[in-house]
Protein backbone atom coordinates (compact mmCIF):
# COMPACT_ATOMS: atom_id res chain seq x y z
CA MET A 1 -70.84 -16.82 169.83
CA GLY A 2 -71.30 -15.03 166.51
CA LYS A 3 -74.41 -14.88 164.42
CA LYS A 4 -75.12 -17.87 162.25
CA LYS A 5 -74.63 -17.03 158.57
CA ARG A 6 -77.92 -17.18 156.67
CA SER A 7 -78.14 -18.70 153.24
CA LYS A 8 -78.97 -16.33 150.39
CA ILE A 9 -80.60 -19.13 148.38
CA PRO A 10 -84.19 -18.70 149.67
CA GLN A 11 -84.08 -14.95 148.94
CA ARG A 12 -82.49 -15.48 145.50
CA ARG A 13 -85.08 -18.14 144.64
CA HIS A 14 -87.88 -15.80 145.76
CA ASP A 15 -86.45 -12.89 143.74
CA LEU A 16 -86.26 -15.06 140.62
CA ALA A 17 -89.81 -16.34 141.16
CA VAL A 18 -91.07 -12.76 141.48
CA SER A 19 -89.25 -11.69 138.30
CA GLN A 20 -90.84 -14.63 136.44
CA GLY A 21 -94.34 -13.91 137.71
CA PHE A 22 -94.20 -16.93 140.04
CA ARG A 23 -94.11 -19.27 137.02
CA CYS A 24 -91.72 -22.08 136.09
CA CYS A 25 -89.21 -21.09 133.40
CA TYR A 26 -89.90 -24.40 131.56
CA CYS A 27 -93.56 -25.40 131.86
CA GLY A 28 -94.99 -21.99 132.76
CA GLU A 29 -97.09 -23.37 135.61
CA LYS A 30 -97.55 -21.29 138.76
CA PHE A 31 -95.38 -22.35 141.69
CA THR A 32 -96.99 -24.25 144.55
CA LYS A 33 -96.06 -24.42 148.22
CA ALA A 34 -92.67 -25.78 149.33
CA GLY A 35 -92.31 -29.56 149.40
CA THR A 36 -94.57 -30.21 146.41
CA PRO A 37 -93.59 -31.09 142.81
CA GLY A 38 -94.52 -27.56 141.72
CA ALA A 39 -92.42 -25.77 144.35
CA ALA A 40 -89.87 -23.22 143.14
CA THR A 41 -86.25 -24.36 142.88
CA LEU A 42 -83.08 -22.67 141.66
CA GLU A 43 -82.17 -23.82 138.16
CA HIS A 44 -78.81 -23.29 136.48
CA ARG A 45 -79.52 -22.47 132.82
CA ASN A 46 -75.97 -23.50 131.93
CA PRO A 47 -75.36 -26.40 134.34
CA LYS A 48 -72.45 -26.27 136.75
CA MET A 49 -71.17 -29.55 135.30
CA HIS A 50 -70.83 -27.70 131.97
CA GLY A 51 -69.05 -24.71 133.46
CA GLY A 52 -72.10 -22.73 134.57
CA THR A 53 -71.85 -20.42 137.56
CA ASN A 54 -74.10 -19.15 140.34
CA ALA A 55 -74.24 -15.73 138.67
CA ARG A 56 -77.73 -14.17 138.61
CA GLU A 57 -77.92 -14.27 134.79
CA ASN A 58 -77.32 -18.05 134.82
CA LEU A 59 -80.11 -18.76 137.31
CA ALA A 60 -83.84 -19.20 136.88
CA ALA A 61 -86.72 -20.44 138.98
CA ALA A 62 -88.13 -23.78 137.89
CA CYS A 63 -90.70 -26.03 139.49
CA GLN A 64 -89.21 -28.99 141.31
CA LYS A 65 -90.60 -31.46 138.76
CA CYS A 66 -89.06 -29.68 135.74
CA ASN A 67 -85.76 -29.17 137.55
CA GLN A 68 -85.52 -32.88 138.45
CA ASP A 69 -86.62 -34.00 134.97
CA ARG A 70 -83.93 -31.83 133.38
CA GLY A 71 -81.33 -33.16 135.82
CA ARG A 72 -82.26 -36.77 134.99
CA ARG A 73 -82.08 -36.11 131.22
CA MET A 74 -78.67 -34.49 131.58
CA GLN A 75 -77.37 -37.34 133.74
CA MET A 76 -78.62 -39.92 131.22
CA ALA A 77 -76.95 -38.03 128.36
CA LYS A 78 -73.70 -37.91 130.34
CA GLN A 79 -73.87 -41.66 130.99
CA ARG A 80 -74.54 -42.40 127.29
CA LYS A 81 -71.57 -40.25 126.32
CA GLU A 82 -69.30 -42.01 128.83
CA LYS A 83 -70.55 -45.42 127.66
CA ALA A 84 -69.84 -44.55 124.01
CA LYS A 85 -66.40 -43.26 124.98
CA GLY A 86 -65.68 -46.52 126.84
CA ALA A 87 -66.85 -48.63 123.89
CA ALA A 88 -64.62 -46.66 121.53
CA LEU A 89 -61.68 -47.18 123.86
CA LEU A 90 -62.32 -50.95 124.03
CA THR A 91 -62.55 -51.15 120.25
CA SER A 92 -59.26 -49.32 119.85
CA ILE A 93 -57.36 -51.69 122.18
CA GLN A 94 -58.77 -55.00 120.96
CA PRO A 95 -56.21 -57.10 119.07
CA GLN A 96 -56.66 -57.20 115.32
CA THR A 97 -57.41 -60.63 113.89
CA ALA A 98 -55.65 -61.86 110.76
CA GLU A 99 -57.89 -62.62 107.82
């Protein structure tokens, strides 16, 4: 059997944390140990859902709390946009009433 391929994510996350002085790119707090709200995570500055890539210049280290908060805000904005788009579509297909 061949060697199991190792993920580069832990090393990339560590390298980003080092380059940022072990501080979150959003709140500036020092990172805490893995599994806590302040643990370092990989953050896409330009989200993948908006065409962002995994290129080094598009990545940053953020604490888990900030990363999740940003993800929730983006998801809510996407849902509002889709809801508004759906409402506009419904308005455009409703029959006109005679006055």
